[in-house]
Amino acid sequence: MSVEIELKFEIQKERIPSYLERLAKIDFAVTTRRTLEKTVMFDNQEKLMQLTNGRVRLRVSKQGGDLSYKKPLGQKTIKKEVEHEITVSNAQTTKEILNKMGFRPTTSYERYRTTLKNQEGSLKVTIDEFPFATFIEIETSRSETAIRKLAKLLGLKLGQSLTQPCDTLFRKWREAHGLPPKPHLRFNSYDK
């Protein structure tokens, strides 16, 4: 188990190269190049995850997959979550196990993710390109001060950080555009 401390900001997609350049100048290296990820959230019939504000998440990309349980801790401007995560070698079998335990898909999303880490590996930056918006996240399991400092170095305004998960942000985006709720965020149908 670890506690994930995170700052997330919406950015303009066109500015991705400038963020990558700035991060390279301060010794961040790309650990995963831009890769399509598909994520599915699960809950049981009793809506245990919804009632307890937890999340069971299966994420798959060409690099492999992981199964996570996450639960937010108190949040204001910095997102903090308890996280348990394991690597899975077979996503389909993992889905079948979850189904046998009474968990079914509730929401899902697709995104392109680029991941960078500093030399010591204590800070991770991800750039997430969703169909409706692009976000940069700064994450650590150590120090709030370090992620605040990096955010300032990148020119990000701490008062504009986001703590809500992407599926909530997507729901709000659809509401703002007069579209009905949609549980599955896919590139080919996000705005329909």
Protein backbone atom coordinates (compact mmCIF):
# COMPACT_ATOMS: atom_id res chain seq x y z
CA MET A 1 0.00 0.00 0.00
CA SER A 2 1.14 3.53 -0.67
CA VAL A 3 -0.29 7.00 -0.38
CA GLU A 4 -0.27 8.79 -3.70
CA ILE A 5 0.08 12.59 -3.52
CA GLU A 6 -0.85 14.35 -6.73
CA LEU A 7 -1.42 17.69 -8.38
CA LYS A 8 -3.38 17.71 -11.65
CA PHE A 9 -3.87 20.60 -14.06
CA GLU A 10 -5.71 21.00 -17.34
CA ILE A 11 -3.33 22.17 -20.08
CA GLN A 12 -3.57 23.01 -23.76
CA LYS A 13 -2.58 20.03 -25.93
CA GLU A 14 -0.44 22.30 -28.14
CA ARG A 15 1.78 23.05 -25.11
CA ILE A 16 2.83 19.41 -24.54
CA PRO A 17 6.18 19.86 -26.36
CA SER A 18 7.10 22.86 -24.21
CA TYR A 19 6.36 20.92 -20.99
CA LEU A 20 8.45 17.98 -22.23
CA GLU A 21 11.30 20.36 -23.07
CA ARG A 22 11.17 22.05 -19.63
CA LEU A 23 11.10 18.71 -17.85
CA ALA A 24 14.09 17.43 -19.86
CA LYS A 25 16.06 20.52 -18.79
CA ILE A 26 15.58 19.60 -15.13
CA ASP A 27 16.61 15.97 -15.60
CA PHE A 28 13.27 14.28 -16.12
CA ALA A 29 13.39 11.39 -18.56
CA VAL A 30 10.55 9.82 -20.50
CA THR A 31 9.92 6.35 -19.05
CA THR A 32 6.87 5.57 -21.21
CA ARG A 33 6.38 7.24 -24.56
CA ARG A 34 2.90 8.31 -25.64
CA THR A 35 0.83 5.12 -25.29
CA LEU A 36 -2.87 4.37 -25.57
CA GLU A 37 -4.32 3.16 -22.26
CA LYS A 38 -7.74 1.65 -21.71
CA THR A 39 -9.14 1.76 -18.19
CA VAL A 40 -12.27 0.13 -16.77
CA MET A 41 -13.75 0.87 -13.33
CA PHE A 42 -15.68 -1.86 -11.50
CA ASP A 43 -18.30 -2.00 -8.76
CA ASN A 44 -20.56 -4.68 -7.34
CA GLN A 45 -24.36 -4.87 -7.25
CA GLU A 46 -24.43 -3.30 -3.77
CA LYS A 47 -22.42 -0.32 -5.18
CA LEU A 48 -19.70 -0.83 -2.59
CA MET A 49 -17.20 1.38 -4.40
CA GLN A 50 -19.71 4.18 -4.86
CA LEU A 51 -20.82 4.00 -1.21
CA THR A 52 -17.26 3.92 0.18
CA ASN A 53 -15.76 6.38 -2.36
CA GLY A 54 -13.31 3.68 -3.45
CA ARG A 55 -12.33 2.59 -6.95
CA VAL A 56 -11.41 -0.76 -8.42
CA ARG A 57 -9.61 -0.08 -11.68
CA LEU A 58 -8.19 -2.30 -14.42
CA ARG A 59 -5.81 -0.49 -16.77
CA VAL A 60 -4.34 -2.02 -19.93
CA SER A 61 -1.79 -0.75 -22.47
CA LYS A 62 0.79 -2.30 -24.76
CA GLN A 63 3.18 -2.23 -21.75
CA GLY A 64 0.86 -4.58 -19.83
CA GLY A 65 -1.81 -4.12 -17.22
CA ASP A 66 -2.46 -3.31 -13.60
CA LEU A 67 -5.30 -3.76 -11.16
CA SER A 68 -5.73 -1.09 -8.48
CA TYR A 69 -7.85 -0.24 -5.51
CA LYS A 70 -7.85 3.48 -4.69
CA LYS A 71 -9.55 5.49 -2.00
CA PRO A 72 -9.24 9.26 -1.62
CA LEU A 73 -8.05 10.77 1.63
CA GLY A 74 -9.03 14.32 2.58
CA GLN A 75 -8.54 16.57 -0.45
CA LYS A 76 -8.45 20.27 -1.00
CA THR A 77 -5.92 21.38 -3.60
CA ILE A 78 -3.70 18.30 -3.45
CA LYS A 79 -5.18 14.92 -4.22
CA LYS A 80 -4.18 12.15 -1.80
CA GLU A 81 -5.24 8.54 -2.20
CA VAL A 82 -4.49 5.22 -0.61
CA GLU A 83 -3.48 2.92 -3.45
CA HIS A 84 -3.00 -0.84 -3.67
CA GLU A 85 -1.80 -1.95 -7.10
CA ILE A 86 -0.61 -5.15 -8.74
CA THR A 87 0.63 -5.95 -12.22
CA VAL A 88 -1.59 -8.32 -14.18
CA SER A 89 -0.38 -10.48 -17.04
CA ASN A 90 -3.79 -11.28 -18.49
CA ALA A 91 -6.46 -8.55 -18.49
CA GLN A 92 -9.23 -10.85 -19.74
CA THR A 93 -8.67 -13.37 -16.93
CA THR A 94 -8.55 -10.50 -14.43
CA LYS A 95 -11.93 -9.25 -15.71
CA GLU A 96 -13.35 -12.77 -15.37
CA ILE A 97 -12.10 -13.02 -11.77
CA LEU A 98 -13.68 -9.65 -10.94
CA ASN A 99 -16.95 -10.76 -12.57
CA LYS A 100 -16.96 -14.01 -10.55
CA MET A 101 -16.56 -11.89 -7.40
CA GLY A 102 -19.62 -9.85 -8.40
CA PHE A 103 -17.82 -6.81 -9.83
CA ARG A 104 -19.00 -5.44 -13.19
CA PRO A 105 -17.73 -2.57 -15.37
CA THR A 106 -19.31 0.77 -14.47
CA THR A 107 -17.29 3.35 -16.40
CA SER A 108 -14.33 3.27 -18.74
CA TYR A 109 -12.04 5.63 -20.54
CA GLU A 110 -9.32 5.83 -23.16
CA ARG A 111 -6.37 8.18 -23.11
CA TYR A 112 -2.87 8.62 -24.46
CA ARG A 113 -0.34 8.83 -21.64
CA THR A 114 3.29 9.94 -21.58
CA THR A 115 5.21 9.29 -18.36
CA LEU A 116 8.38 10.96 -17.11
CA LYS A 117 10.39 10.55 -13.89
CA ASN A 118 13.15 12.49 -12.24
CA GLN A 119 16.58 10.86 -11.83
CA GLU A 120 15.98 9.56 -8.33
CA GLY A 121 12.48 8.32 -9.23
CA SER A 122 10.77 10.25 -6.43
CA LEU A 123 8.63 12.39 -8.78
CA LYS A 124 6.51 11.19 -11.68
CA VAL A 125 4.87 13.43 -14.28
CA THR A 126 2.21 12.15 -16.62
CA ILE A 127 0.67 13.93 -19.58
CA ASP A 128 -2.78 12.51 -20.25
CA GLU A 129 -4.52 13.23 -23.53
CA PHE A 130 -8.24 12.46 -23.26
CA PRO A 131 -10.67 13.07 -26.13
CA PHE A 132 -12.20 16.05 -24.27
CA ALA A 133 -9.16 17.58 -22.53
CA THR A 134 -5.45 17.22 -21.73
CA PHE A 135 -4.00 17.09 -18.21
CA ILE A 136 -0.59 17.11 -16.59
CA GLU A 137 -0.19 15.32 -13.26
CA ILE A 138 2.71 15.55 -10.83
CA GLU A 139 2.81 12.62 -8.43
CA THR A 140 4.88 11.40 -5.50
CA SER A 141 4.51 9.22 -2.44
CA ARG A 142 6.84 11.44 -0.43
CA SER A 143 6.57 15.22 -0.29
CA GLU A 144 3.82 17.70 -1.02
CA THR A 145 6.51 20.39 -1.08
CA ALA A 146 8.34 18.72 -3.98
CA ILE A 147 5.27 18.55 -6.20
CA ARG A 148 4.28 22.13 -5.38
CA LYS A 149 7.80 23.29 -6.26
CA LEU A 150 7.76 21.40 -9.57
CA ALA A 151 4.31 22.78 -10.44
CA LYS A 152 5.61 26.32 -9.93
CA LEU A 153 8.73 25.57 -12.01
CA LEU A 154 6.44 24.45 -14.85
CA GLY A 155 4.38 27.64 -14.57
CA LEU A 156 1.27 25.87 -13.27
CA LYS A 157 -0.98 27.77 -10.85
CA LEU A 158 -1.59 25.85 -7.62
CA GLY A 159 -5.03 27.43 -7.25
CA GLN A 160 -6.08 25.76 -10.52
CA SER A 161 -5.23 22.20 -9.52
CA LEU A 162 -7.94 19.56 -9.92
CA THR A 163 -8.75 16.76 -7.49
CA GLN A 164 -11.61 15.04 -9.29
CA PRO A 165 -11.04 11.87 -11.34
CA CYS A 166 -11.23 12.05 -15.12
CA ASP A 167 -14.62 10.34 -15.35
CA THR A 168 -16.11 13.08 -13.13
CA LEU A 169 -14.42 15.79 -15.23
CA PHE A 170 -15.77 14.14 -18.38
CA ARG A 171 -19.30 14.07 -16.93
CA LYS A 172 -19.03 17.79 -16.15
CA TRP A 173 -17.66 18.48 -19.65
CA ARG A 174 -20.66 16.71 -21.22
CA GLU A 175 -23.06 18.66 -18.98
CA ALA A 176 -21.40 21.95 -20.00
CA HIS A 177 -21.85 20.97 -23.66
CA GLY A 178 -25.51 20.01 -23.22
CA LEU A 179 -24.84 16.29 -23.68
CA PRO A 180 -26.42 13.50 -21.60
CA PRO A 181 -24.26 11.42 -19.24
CA LYS A 182 -22.10 8.76 -20.86
CA PRO A 183 -20.25 6.16 -18.78
CA HIS A 184 -17.68 5.23 -21.44
CA LEU A 185 -15.17 7.81 -22.69
CA ARG A 186 -13.84 6.74 -26.08
CA PHE A 187 -12.10 8.73 -28.77
CA ASN A 188 -14.61 7.75 -31.45
CA SER A 189 -17.74 8.70 -29.51
CA TYR A 190 -16.96 11.09 -26.61
CA ASP A 191 -18.97 13.99 -28.07
CA LYS A 192 -22.00 12.06 -29.33
